[in-house]
């Protein structure tokens, strides 16, 4: 058996194997297995591009690294998050579903077939729906129902696009399609446009985004981190592979621009901090969509840099949010005050994360956004660029105004000690986007 094929198989099954490690009751064996999976993902870089049953190039590798890393962080975080707090669906089922959720995302990224990618995306819905309502509140049950209905409708549209692609090209193998000289046709145009609606439902493209704020705000924080940090990017990856078949640049760019406008407007009147971060995810995903649609070295690298930095930054925001919710019992922005005194480590992580996801220099998201803007400028998309700059600034102000108010205004009440593991994971996750930005500057400077 090909060694790379075996490596990819191991990467796929390790999230479920980590669940078996959890069942063994050997302390932290599950986390050790997940850490090994991150190491395998890093090692995979030596073998790309790989073409066979799986298709893995540099773009795929970045997404695999994101998924394995956020799974590890969420797994460690969840242990402390649910300590002395009952999981409504049962602890064993929760960690099993978390492993299956991760495996379905990795399968969607790695498999060399658009039809099976669709199967993987559908599997993420099945495995994550129960995770969403793990705390079994009335609002989480409603959010789960909405998530299933809206996303399933979107995936149905995505299935239609897959059928049309097969009808036009006679194959769904990604490597074969990318090697073809494709003649654009009305059928392919329709297929790619429908894919924007179908897979765009899971990416958070306006107006088919409506499940997103409810799901992110009602899910347990480790699952919210996985939703924002890696589920939406995984769906975006599949949409990008379909976009490569017949690039409808204007349609995709304008869809991204309109979605950023909508997200920025929604951010302006949010009263709950987790819901605010959900709309921030919508903004970032659509910026990445624009970068991938524009393409070229600046658009693609900018999108990957943005997505990689955002995955850790937004995970850190939700880890911090989970700690705040556990500590204060309050979901509303107005109900949280003086965190810098009562929760110094968590408040620092929250500030860093909010700076990261709003593109503050020198975080990696800033350089990703800059490259995307430069790519737009280079192809003379001036109107789109001006609109984006205005609404991204509005989103920046909305998020950071609310976060700084939570951290610095008023006197925080001391209700206990913040959990060291939860705050530590939040700090680590929020620092990584800063390191990515610094590394990017160093590498670029050396290259010049």
Foldseek 3Di string as FASTA:
>chain_A
DDPLVVLLVLLLCLLQVLLVVVVVVPPCSSLVSLVVSLVSLVVSQVPPQDDDQWGDHPLLSLLSNLLSVLLSLLVLLVVVLCVVNAFQVDPSLLSNLSSQLSSLLSQLSIGQFLVVVLVSLVSNLVSCLCQLCRNVDPLSPVLSVVSCVLLVVLSVLLVVLSVLVCVQPVGGGLVVLLPDPDDDDPSLVSSLVSLCSRLVLLLQFPPSVVSQLSSLLRGQLSSNLCSLQRSNVSSLSSSLSSCSNPQPLVVLLVSLLVQLLVLLVVLQDDFFLRSNLSSLSSNLSSLLSNLSSLDDPLSPVLSSLQSSLLSLLSSLLSLLLSLQCVQQVDGTLVSAAACCVQPVLSLVLNLLSLCRSLQHPLFSNVSSSVSSLVSCVVVPVVVSSVSNVVSSVSSSCSNNVSSCRNHHPDHGDHRDYGDPSSSVSSNVSSCVRNVSSVVVVVVVVVVD
